[in-house]
């Protein structure tokens, strides 16, 4: 939804390819924010709620949808992967599909196969992911 507004802003301002969200929207690529409550978006949503706006954010929808993408890829004989912007919370959010599948849904399947992480953290820290997922950078 945010990508649609970014694409419209680009169009109105006669700009092209200045927004990652707009480009993802045009390509039909979903984008997620890991923790709405600890982000600028979350603070703005909370602020407008105090002024009477009825917008509500439900992170369960995103958890179930990202898990469904992974399961659909696996069940269709394919693989899955993600691009992560940052570490910490975004990484945990996208790689949690494996424990969601195995521990919560009790399905014998693995999570993401691949991920690309864009971060400032020094190389070599990928080994810490082993306890959470089989995905490799």
Foldseek 3Di string as FASTA:
>chain_A
DVLVVVLVVCVVVVHPDPDPSVVCVVVVHDDDDQDLCPDPNVVVVVVVVVVPDPDDDDCVVVLVVLLVVQVVQVVVVHAAEEEAEEDDRSPCSNLQSACCCCPVVVHPDFHHQEYHYDYPDDPDPQVVCVVRHNYGD
